[in-house]
Amino acid sequence: MPKNIVLTLTGRDRIGLVDHVTSLVVKRGGNVGASRMAHLGGEFAMLMLIALPESEIGVIDQDFQPLRGEGYQVSIVQTEDSKKYEGWLPYEIEVTGADHEGIIHDIAHYLASRGINIENMDTSSNPAPMSGTPLFTMKGVVLAPPKLNFHAWSDELEEIGDKLNVNVTVGLVK
């Protein structure tokens, strides 16, 4: 029966890195179920959920030794599907506005204080087309406890957005 592992890899960006990593996974009979990859300031970051035959879990770590020798940071952690958030409600959150320090922290701090779990979050800052002013975008999915009043916490989050001078929108995942 396959087991799940989470593989993270970070290091200098180079052509063929994803091909190399996925070939190591396939060689061991593994399958990438979900992944995120990004080029971040000259470095490449990879995060993968991999289903792997149980007999290969101890061996696959050795396959990544050559990459570690090249300076890549590699972590492999066995995981189980969690039922911890079963029944919680998924909401999409989008934050947009002029970029400045503290936006991610203030939003994440509020969500944590209300017991809301961040499932995934992507952020970016890009120059505005005409002015070049850095524009911030955050998009993600959070899970809220079913007993938490949606209108109360989403209104409070929008108020935080107002104080940060950014637009915050929250809605049920479609």
C-alpha atoms as a PDB file:
ATOM      1  CA  MET A   1       0.000   0.000   0.000  1.00  0.00           C
ATOM      2  CA  PRO A   2       1.453   3.418  -0.954  1.00  0.00           C
ATOM      3  CA  LYS A   3       2.445   5.899   1.721  1.00  0.00           C
ATOM      4  CA  ASN A   4       2.614   9.665   1.354  1.00  0.00           C
ATOM      5  CA  ILE A   5       5.753  11.716   1.721  1.00  0.00           C
ATOM      6  CA  VAL A   6       6.270  15.445   1.447  1.00  0.00           C
ATOM      7  CA  LEU A   7       9.432  16.379  -0.417  1.00  0.00           C
ATOM      8  CA  THR A   8      10.852  19.880  -0.285  1.00  0.00           C
ATOM      9  CA  LEU A   9      13.843  20.968  -2.318  1.00  0.00           C
ATOM     10  CA  THR A  10      15.449  24.390  -2.555  1.00  0.00           C
ATOM     11  CA  GLY A  11      18.565  25.536  -4.326  1.00  0.00           C
ATOM     12  CA  ARG A  12      19.952  27.326  -7.330  1.00  0.00           C
ATOM     13  CA  ASP A  13      17.702  27.314 -10.357  1.00  0.00           C
ATOM     14  CA  ARG A  14      18.812  25.278 -13.343  1.00  0.00           C
ATOM     15  CA  ILE A  15      17.216  23.809 -16.434  1.00  0.00           C
ATOM     16  CA  GLY A  16      16.234  20.167 -15.981  1.00  0.00           C
ATOM     17  CA  LEU A  17      15.913  20.201 -12.200  1.00  0.00           C
ATOM     18  CA  VAL A  18      12.220  19.222 -12.190  1.00  0.00           C
ATOM     19  CA  ASP A  19      12.956  16.494 -14.741  1.00  0.00           C
ATOM     20  CA  HIS A  20      15.746  15.134 -12.546  1.00  0.00           C
ATOM     21  CA  VAL A  21      13.703  15.152  -9.324  1.00  0.00           C
ATOM     22  CA  THR A  22      10.634  13.551 -10.901  1.00  0.00           C
ATOM     23  CA  SER A  23      12.798  10.866 -12.533  1.00  0.00           C
ATOM     24  CA  LEU A  24      14.025   9.891  -9.044  1.00  0.00           C
ATOM     25  CA  VAL A  25      10.410   9.647  -7.863  1.00  0.00           C
ATOM     26  CA  VAL A  26       9.287   7.573 -10.868  1.00  0.00           C
ATOM     27  CA  LYS A  27      12.334   5.276 -10.526  1.00  0.00           C
ATOM     28  CA  ARG A  28      11.028   4.291  -7.067  1.00  0.00           C
ATOM     29  CA  GLY A  29       7.452   3.733  -8.283  1.00  0.00           C
ATOM     30  CA  GLY A  30       6.247   7.034  -6.879  1.00  0.00           C
ATOM     31  CA  ASN A  31       3.615   9.415  -8.146  1.00  0.00           C
ATOM     32  CA  VAL A  32       3.428  13.169  -7.567  1.00  0.00           C
ATOM     33  CA  GLY A  33      -0.085  13.887  -6.341  1.00  0.00           C
ATOM     34  CA  ALA A  34       0.249  17.625  -5.758  1.00  0.00           C
ATOM     35  CA  SER A  35       3.085  20.083  -6.113  1.00  0.00           C
ATOM     36  CA  ARG A  36       4.115  23.710  -5.972  1.00  0.00           C
ATOM     37  CA  MET A  37       7.225  25.039  -7.629  1.00  0.00           C
ATOM     38  CA  ALA A  38       8.538  28.563  -7.925  1.00  0.00           C
ATOM     39  CA  HIS A  39      11.570  30.513  -9.032  1.00  0.00           C
ATOM     40  CA  LEU A  40      12.258  32.926  -6.183  1.00  0.00           C
ATOM     41  CA  GLY A  41      15.081  35.410  -6.660  1.00  0.00           C
ATOM     42  CA  GLY A  42      17.515  33.070  -8.409  1.00  0.00           C
ATOM     43  CA  GLU A  43      16.623  30.089  -6.238  1.00  0.00           C
ATOM     44  CA  PHE A  44      14.156  27.354  -7.072  1.00  0.00           C
ATOM     45  CA  ALA A  45      11.757  25.941  -4.483  1.00  0.00           C
ATOM     46  CA  MET A  46       9.836  22.718  -4.920  1.00  0.00           C
ATOM     47  CA  LEU A  47       7.188  21.200  -2.654  1.00  0.00           C
ATOM     48  CA  MET A  48       5.612  17.851  -3.567  1.00  0.00           C
ATOM     49  CA  LEU A  49       3.183  15.368  -2.072  1.00  0.00           C
ATOM     50  CA  ILE A  50       4.305  11.974  -3.340  1.00  0.00           C
ATOM     51  CA  ALA A  51       2.622   8.569  -3.051  1.00  0.00           C
ATOM     52  CA  LEU A  52       5.367   5.962  -2.781  1.00  0.00           C
ATOM     53  CA  PRO A  53       5.447   2.218  -2.120  1.00  0.00           C
ATOM     54  CA  GLU A  54       6.209   1.744   1.571  1.00  0.00           C
ATOM     55  CA  SER A  55       9.300  -0.335   0.745  1.00  0.00           C
ATOM     56  CA  GLU A  56      10.859   2.621  -1.129  1.00  0.00           C
ATOM     57  CA  ILE A  57      10.490   5.298   1.552  1.00  0.00           C
ATOM     58  CA  GLY A  58      13.804   4.562   3.262  1.00  0.00           C
ATOM     59  CA  VAL A  59      15.636   4.243  -0.050  1.00  0.00           C
ATOM     60  CA  ILE A  60      14.470   7.372  -1.872  1.00  0.00           C
ATOM     61  CA  ASP A  61      16.271   9.641   0.587  1.00  0.00           C
ATOM     62  CA  GLN A  62      19.580   8.144  -0.589  1.00  0.00           C
ATOM     63  CA  ASP A  63      18.677   8.990  -4.205  1.00  0.00           C
ATOM     64  CA  PHE A  64      18.779  12.698  -3.294  1.00  0.00           C
ATOM     65  CA  GLN A  65      22.307  12.608  -1.822  1.00  0.00           C
ATOM     66  CA  PRO A  66      23.955  13.766  -5.088  1.00  0.00           C
ATOM     67  CA  LEU A  67      21.672  16.831  -5.158  1.00  0.00           C
ATOM     68  CA  ARG A  68      22.540  17.575  -1.542  1.00  0.00           C
ATOM     69  CA  GLY A  69      26.197  17.354  -2.588  1.00  0.00           C
ATOM     70  CA  GLU A  70      25.490  20.075  -5.176  1.00  0.00           C
ATOM     71  CA  GLY A  71      24.167  22.356  -2.422  1.00  0.00           C
ATOM     72  CA  TYR A  72      20.433  21.654  -2.644  1.00  0.00           C
ATOM     73  CA  GLN A  73      18.474  21.468   0.600  1.00  0.00           C
ATOM     74  CA  VAL A  74      16.260  18.371   0.497  1.00  0.00           C
ATOM     75  CA  SER A  75      13.755  17.241   3.107  1.00  0.00           C
ATOM     76  CA  ILE A  76      11.617  14.115   2.969  1.00  0.00           C
ATOM     77  CA  VAL A  77       8.909  13.607   5.591  1.00  0.00           C
ATOM     78  CA  GLN A  78       6.397  10.775   5.775  1.00  0.00           C
ATOM     79  CA  THR A  79       2.857  12.039   6.335  1.00  0.00           C
ATOM     80  CA  GLU A  80      -0.649  10.745   6.721  1.00  0.00           C
ATOM     81  CA  ASP A  81      -3.879  12.210   5.396  1.00  0.00           C
ATOM     82  CA  SER A  82      -5.175  14.308   8.259  1.00  0.00           C
ATOM     83  CA  LYS A  83      -8.795  14.299   9.350  1.00  0.00           C
ATOM     84  CA  LYS A  84      -8.055  17.216  11.685  1.00  0.00           C
ATOM     85  CA  TYR A  85     -10.018  19.768   9.640  1.00  0.00           C
ATOM     86  CA  GLU A  86     -12.826  17.475   8.527  1.00  0.00           C
ATOM     87  CA  GLY A  87     -16.098  19.423   8.398  1.00  0.00           C
ATOM     88  CA  TRP A  88     -14.376  22.816   8.339  1.00  0.00           C
ATOM     89  CA  LEU A  89     -15.544  25.269   5.681  1.00  0.00           C
ATOM     90  CA  PRO A  90     -13.255  26.354   2.826  1.00  0.00           C
ATOM     91  CA  TYR A  91     -13.103  30.029   1.856  1.00  0.00           C
ATOM     92  CA  GLU A  92     -11.165  31.853  -0.827  1.00  0.00           C
ATOM     93  CA  ILE A  93      -9.336  34.971   0.267  1.00  0.00           C
ATOM     94  CA  GLU A  94      -7.935  37.616  -2.056  1.00  0.00           C
ATOM     95  CA  VAL A  95      -5.968  40.659  -0.940  1.00  0.00           C
ATOM     96  CA  THR A  96      -4.869  43.366  -3.399  1.00  0.00           C
ATOM     97  CA  GLY A  97      -3.375  46.818  -3.070  1.00  0.00           C
ATOM     98  CA  ALA A  98      -0.203  48.842  -2.841  1.00  0.00           C
ATOM     99  CA  ASP A  99       2.629  46.714  -1.482  1.00  0.00           C
ATOM    100  CA  HIS A 100       4.112  47.547   1.909  1.00  0.00           C
ATOM    101  CA  GLU A 101       5.595  45.737   4.876  1.00  0.00           C
ATOM    102  CA  GLY A 102       3.408  43.646   7.142  1.00  0.00           C
ATOM    103  CA  ILE A 103       0.460  42.726   4.927  1.00  0.00           C
ATOM    104  CA  ILE A 104       1.072  38.976   5.012  1.00  0.00           C
ATOM    105  CA  HIS A 105       1.854  39.027   8.732  1.00  0.00           C
ATOM    106  CA  ASP A 106      -1.207  41.060   9.704  1.00  0.00           C
ATOM    107  CA  ILE A 107      -3.583  38.868   7.668  1.00  0.00           C
ATOM    108  CA  ALA A 108      -1.984  35.616   8.868  1.00  0.00           C
ATOM    109  CA  HIS A 109      -1.984  36.844  12.476  1.00  0.00           C
ATOM    110  CA  TYR A 110      -5.689  37.657  12.341  1.00  0.00           C
ATOM    111  CA  LEU A 111      -6.569  34.291  10.782  1.00  0.00           C
ATOM    112  CA  ALA A 112      -4.541  32.418  13.421  1.00  0.00           C
ATOM    113  CA  SER A 113      -6.138  34.427  16.222  1.00  0.00           C
ATOM    114  CA  ARG A 114      -9.574  33.285  15.019  1.00  0.00           C
ATOM    115  CA  GLY A 115      -8.487  29.624  14.700  1.00  0.00           C
ATOM    116  CA  ILE A 116      -8.646  29.714  10.892  1.00  0.00           C
ATOM    117  CA  ASN A 117      -6.176  27.449   9.074  1.00  0.00           C
ATOM    118  CA  ILE A 118      -4.373  28.540   5.908  1.00  0.00           C
ATOM    119  CA  GLU A 119      -4.563  25.688   3.398  1.00  0.00           C
ATOM    120  CA  ASN A 120      -2.645  27.428   0.619  1.00  0.00           C
ATOM    121  CA  MET A 121      -1.510  30.945  -0.084  1.00  0.00           C
ATOM    122  CA  ASP A 122       0.248  32.566  -3.016  1.00  0.00           C
ATOM    123  CA  THR A 123       1.576  36.112  -2.867  1.00  0.00           C
ATOM    124  CA  SER A 124       3.332  38.343  -5.338  1.00  0.00           C
ATOM    125  CA  SER A 125       4.365  41.928  -5.862  1.00  0.00           C
ATOM    126  CA  ASN A 126       4.509  43.366  -9.365  1.00  0.00           C
ATOM    127  CA  PRO A 127       4.930  46.883 -10.745  1.00  0.00           C
ATOM    128  CA  ALA A 128       1.738  48.688 -11.770  1.00  0.00           C
ATOM    129  CA  PRO A 129       1.518  49.097 -15.564  1.00  0.00           C
ATOM    130  CA  MET A 130       1.603  52.902 -15.705  1.00  0.00           C
ATOM    131  CA  SER A 131       3.280  54.083 -12.498  1.00  0.00           C
ATOM    132  CA  GLY A 132       5.547  51.183 -11.622  1.00  0.00           C
ATOM    133  CA  THR A 133       4.260  51.278  -8.036  1.00  0.00           C
ATOM    134  CA  PRO A 134       4.585  47.815  -6.462  1.00  0.00           C
ATOM    135  CA  LEU A 135       1.166  46.130  -6.313  1.00  0.00           C
ATOM    136  CA  PHE A 136       0.605  43.291  -3.848  1.00  0.00           C
ATOM    137  CA  THR A 137      -1.612  40.273  -4.499  1.00  0.00           C
ATOM    138  CA  MET A 138      -2.430  37.451  -2.115  1.00  0.00           C
ATOM    139  CA  LYS A 139      -4.739  34.599  -3.064  1.00  0.00           C
ATOM    140  CA  GLY A 140      -5.463  31.525  -1.044  1.00  0.00           C
ATOM    141  CA  VAL A 141      -7.815  29.103   0.590  1.00  0.00           C
ATOM    142  CA  VAL A 142      -8.447  28.937   4.313  1.00  0.00           C
ATOM    143  CA  LEU A 143     -10.455  26.514   6.436  1.00  0.00           C
ATOM    144  CA  ALA A 144     -12.697  27.986   9.100  1.00  0.00           C
ATOM    145  CA  PRO A 145     -14.204  26.041  12.010  1.00  0.00           C
ATOM    146  CA  PRO A 146     -17.871  25.337  11.234  1.00  0.00           C
ATOM    147  CA  LYS A 147     -19.090  27.127  14.386  1.00  0.00           C
ATOM    148  CA  LEU A 148     -17.243  30.356  13.531  1.00  0.00           C
ATOM    149  CA  ASN A 149     -19.606  33.065  12.279  1.00  0.00           C
ATOM    150  CA  PHE A 150     -18.569  33.833   8.691  1.00  0.00           C
ATOM    151  CA  HIS A 151     -19.956  37.365   8.613  1.00  0.00           C
ATOM    152  CA  ALA A 152     -18.208  38.329  11.843  1.00  0.00           C
ATOM    153  CA  TRP A 153     -14.726  37.123  10.918  1.00  0.00           C
ATOM    154  CA  SER A 154     -14.878  38.157   7.247  1.00  0.00           C
ATOM    155  CA  ASP A 155     -16.080  41.665   8.194  1.00  0.00           C
ATOM    156  CA  GLU A 156     -13.246  41.959  10.736  1.00  0.00           C
ATOM    157  CA  LEU A 157     -10.765  40.814   8.095  1.00  0.00           C
ATOM    158  CA  GLU A 158     -12.065  43.443   5.672  1.00  0.00           C
ATOM    159  CA  GLU A 159     -11.615  46.075   8.416  1.00  0.00           C
ATOM    160  CA  ILE A 160      -8.000  44.982   8.805  1.00  0.00           C
ATOM    161  CA  GLY A 161      -7.671  45.371   5.038  1.00  0.00           C
ATOM    162  CA  ASP A 162      -9.004  48.916   5.305  1.00  0.00           C
ATOM    163  CA  LYS A 163      -6.380  49.727   7.974  1.00  0.00           C
ATOM    164  CA  LEU A 164      -3.690  48.214   5.693  1.00  0.00           C
ATOM    165  CA  ASN A 165      -5.067  50.155   2.704  1.00  0.00           C
ATOM    166  CA  VAL A 166      -5.698  46.951   0.723  1.00  0.00           C
ATOM    167  CA  ASN A 167      -8.847  45.319  -0.614  1.00  0.00           C
ATOM    168  CA  VAL A 168      -9.833  42.033   1.039  1.00  0.00           C
ATOM    169  CA  THR A 169     -12.485  39.742  -0.411  1.00  0.00           C
ATOM    170  CA  VAL A 170     -13.644  36.461   1.142  1.00  0.00           C
ATOM    171  CA  GLY A 171     -16.052  33.929  -0.336  1.00  0.00           C
ATOM    172  CA  LEU A 172     -16.937  30.255  -0.217  1.00  0.00           C
ATOM    173  CA  VAL A 173     -14.791  28.056  -2.442  1.00  0.00           C
ATOM    174  CA  LYS A 174     -16.752  27.214  -5.564  1.00  0.00           C
END
